């Protein structure tokens, strides 16, 4: 999957984190927030670095950029997140679908 394809796939999507059960929304253009919480809105950027997608954010998810790994799934997008520098697991984000 290319960087642009990935950006298109997450646009206007809501993901539930396996850590804390928090719902996150990717809102065009380049806004990430906790679902229905305008005060948590931050600017984000996703770049491709060394074949990986890296999420840069304004401290919504801690102080480090986040490395994103796409987990193959037939029904929805699933993402494993780890911190870029310390390689700490930050959880799996699972796309909300119509049957959730």
C-alpha atoms as a PDB file:
ATOM      1  CA  UNK A   1       0.000   0.000   0.000  1.00  0.00           C
ATOM      2  CA  UNK A   2       1.340   3.415  -0.891  1.00  0.00           C
ATOM      3  CA  UNK A   3       1.425   6.340   1.506  1.00  0.00           C
ATOM      4  CA  UNK A   4      -1.379   8.101  -0.375  1.00  0.00           C
ATOM      5  CA  UNK A   5      -3.544   4.957  -0.355  1.00  0.00           C
ATOM      6  CA  UNK A   6      -3.041   4.657   3.394  1.00  0.00           C
ATOM      7  CA  UNK A   7      -3.938   8.313   3.965  1.00  0.00           C
ATOM      8  CA  UNK A   8      -7.086   7.853   1.881  1.00  0.00           C
ATOM      9  CA  UNK A   9      -8.058   4.716   3.842  1.00  0.00           C
ATOM     10  CA  UNK A  10      -7.877   6.420   7.252  1.00  0.00           C
ATOM     11  CA  UNK A  11      -9.525   9.682   6.199  1.00  0.00           C
ATOM     12  CA  UNK A  12     -12.884  10.187   7.959  1.00  0.00           C
ATOM     13  CA  UNK A  13     -12.433   6.939   9.907  1.00  0.00           C
ATOM     14  CA  UNK A  14     -12.797   6.166  13.596  1.00  0.00           C
ATOM     15  CA  UNK A  15     -10.494   3.672  15.305  1.00  0.00           C
ATOM     16  CA  UNK A  16     -10.874   2.093  18.750  1.00  0.00           C
ATOM     17  CA  UNK A  17      -7.653   1.614  20.676  1.00  0.00           C
ATOM     18  CA  UNK A  18      -7.044  -1.626  22.550  1.00  0.00           C
ATOM     19  CA  UNK A  19      -5.330   0.500  25.195  1.00  0.00           C
ATOM     20  CA  UNK A  20      -7.964   2.310  27.218  1.00  0.00           C
ATOM     21  CA  UNK A  21     -10.748   1.688  24.685  1.00  0.00           C
ATOM     22  CA  UNK A  22     -10.438   5.253  23.382  1.00  0.00           C
ATOM     23  CA  UNK A  23     -11.958   6.118  19.999  1.00  0.00           C
ATOM     24  CA  UNK A  24      -9.807   8.258  17.709  1.00  0.00           C
ATOM     25  CA  UNK A  25     -11.002  10.126  14.601  1.00  0.00           C
ATOM     26  CA  UNK A  26      -8.967  11.105  11.549  1.00  0.00           C
ATOM     27  CA  UNK A  27     -10.629  14.268  10.255  1.00  0.00           C
ATOM     28  CA  UNK A  28      -9.696  15.909   6.939  1.00  0.00           C
ATOM     29  CA  UNK A  29      -7.398  17.590   6.508  1.00  0.00           C
ATOM     30  CA  UNK A  30      -4.766  16.332   8.925  1.00  0.00           C
ATOM     31  CA  UNK A  31      -6.665  16.569  12.212  1.00  0.00           C
ATOM     32  CA  UNK A  32      -6.635  13.746  14.753  1.00  0.00           C
ATOM     33  CA  UNK A  33      -8.748  13.825  17.889  1.00  0.00           C
ATOM     34  CA  UNK A  34     -10.452  11.729  20.496  1.00  0.00           C
ATOM     35  CA  UNK A  35     -13.957  11.082  19.144  1.00  0.00           C
ATOM     36  CA  UNK A  36     -16.399  13.913  19.885  1.00  0.00           C
ATOM     37  CA  UNK A  37     -13.776  15.873  21.828  1.00  0.00           C
ATOM     38  CA  UNK A  38     -12.893  19.039  19.928  1.00  0.00           C
ATOM     39  CA  UNK A  39     -10.484  20.130  22.677  1.00  0.00           C
ATOM     40  CA  UNK A  40      -8.270  17.102  21.947  1.00  0.00           C
ATOM     41  CA  UNK A  41      -7.837  18.007  18.259  1.00  0.00           C
ATOM     42  CA  UNK A  42      -4.243  18.061  17.027  1.00  0.00           C
ATOM     43  CA  UNK A  43      -2.562  18.416  13.667  1.00  0.00           C
ATOM     44  CA  UNK A  44      -0.962  15.239  12.376  1.00  0.00           C
ATOM     45  CA  UNK A  45       1.189  14.192   9.475  1.00  0.00           C
ATOM     46  CA  UNK A  46       1.996  10.715   8.203  1.00  0.00           C
ATOM     47  CA  UNK A  47       5.279  10.137   6.408  1.00  0.00           C
ATOM     48  CA  UNK A  48       6.873   7.085   4.889  1.00  0.00           C
ATOM     49  CA  UNK A  49      10.297   6.414   6.375  1.00  0.00           C
ATOM     50  CA  UNK A  50      12.410   3.350   5.577  1.00  0.00           C
ATOM     51  CA  UNK A  51       9.344   1.556   4.236  1.00  0.00           C
ATOM     52  CA  UNK A  52       7.230   2.277   7.339  1.00  0.00           C
ATOM     53  CA  UNK A  53       4.389   4.719   7.950  1.00  0.00           C
ATOM     54  CA  UNK A  54       5.165   7.136  10.779  1.00  0.00           C
ATOM     55  CA  UNK A  55       2.522   9.285  12.493  1.00  0.00           C
ATOM     56  CA  UNK A  56       3.721  12.687  13.682  1.00  0.00           C
ATOM     57  CA  UNK A  57       1.276  14.325  16.082  1.00  0.00           C
ATOM     58  CA  UNK A  58       1.213  17.227  18.509  1.00  0.00           C
ATOM     59  CA  UNK A  59       1.513  15.176  21.723  1.00  0.00           C
ATOM     60  CA  UNK A  60      -1.964  13.573  21.621  1.00  0.00           C
ATOM     61  CA  UNK A  61      -0.312  10.141  21.836  1.00  0.00           C
ATOM     62  CA  UNK A  62       2.703  10.996  23.972  1.00  0.00           C
ATOM     63  CA  UNK A  63       5.955  12.686  23.037  1.00  0.00           C
ATOM     64  CA  UNK A  64       7.274  10.401  20.285  1.00  0.00           C
ATOM     65  CA  UNK A  65       6.206   9.865  16.702  1.00  0.00           C
ATOM     66  CA  UNK A  66       4.327   6.593  16.209  1.00  0.00           C
ATOM     67  CA  UNK A  67       5.349   3.777  13.884  1.00  0.00           C
ATOM     68  CA  UNK A  68       2.263   2.246  12.224  1.00  0.00           C
ATOM     69  CA  UNK A  69       2.087  -1.378  11.104  1.00  0.00           C
ATOM     70  CA  UNK A  70      -0.946  -2.459   9.085  1.00  0.00           C
ATOM     71  CA  UNK A  71      -2.371  -5.803  10.199  1.00  0.00           C
ATOM     72  CA  UNK A  72      -3.894  -7.749   7.298  1.00  0.00           C
ATOM     73  CA  UNK A  73      -7.674  -8.052   7.713  1.00  0.00           C
ATOM     74  CA  UNK A  74     -10.451  -8.727   5.233  1.00  0.00           C
ATOM     75  CA  UNK A  75     -13.144  -6.690   6.953  1.00  0.00           C
ATOM     76  CA  UNK A  76     -11.549  -3.589   8.427  1.00  0.00           C
ATOM     77  CA  UNK A  77      -8.311  -1.733   8.872  1.00  0.00           C
ATOM     78  CA  UNK A  78      -6.255  -2.710  11.927  1.00  0.00           C
ATOM     79  CA  UNK A  79      -3.127  -0.823  12.946  1.00  0.00           C
ATOM     80  CA  UNK A  80      -0.439  -1.720  15.463  1.00  0.00           C
ATOM     81  CA  UNK A  81       1.245   1.329  16.968  1.00  0.00           C
ATOM     82  CA  UNK A  82       4.684   1.509  18.583  1.00  0.00           C
ATOM     83  CA  UNK A  83       6.729   4.529  19.570  1.00  0.00           C
ATOM     84  CA  UNK A  84       9.365   5.335  16.980  1.00  0.00           C
ATOM     85  CA  UNK A  85      12.403   5.781  19.226  1.00  0.00           C
ATOM     86  CA  UNK A  86      11.746   3.649  22.338  1.00  0.00           C
ATOM     87  CA  UNK A  87       9.783   0.975  20.428  1.00  0.00           C
ATOM     88  CA  UNK A  88       7.089   0.769  23.129  1.00  0.00           C
ATOM     89  CA  UNK A  89       3.780  -0.851  22.189  1.00  0.00           C
ATOM     90  CA  UNK A  90       1.013   1.761  22.153  1.00  0.00           C
ATOM     91  CA  UNK A  91      -1.838  -0.572  21.244  1.00  0.00           C
ATOM     92  CA  UNK A  92      -3.791  -1.753  18.265  1.00  0.00           C
ATOM     93  CA  UNK A  93      -6.320   0.518  16.601  1.00  0.00           C
ATOM     94  CA  UNK A  94      -9.297  -1.216  15.026  1.00  0.00           C
ATOM     95  CA  UNK A  95     -11.458   0.578  12.470  1.00  0.00           C
ATOM     96  CA  UNK A  96     -15.104   1.038  13.404  1.00  0.00           C
ATOM     97  CA  UNK A  97     -17.405  -0.512  10.845  1.00  0.00           C
ATOM     98  CA  UNK A  98     -21.146  -0.526  10.278  1.00  0.00           C
ATOM     99  CA  UNK A  99     -21.480  -3.751  12.266  1.00  0.00           C
ATOM    100  CA  UNK A 100     -19.627  -2.521  15.373  1.00  0.00           C
END
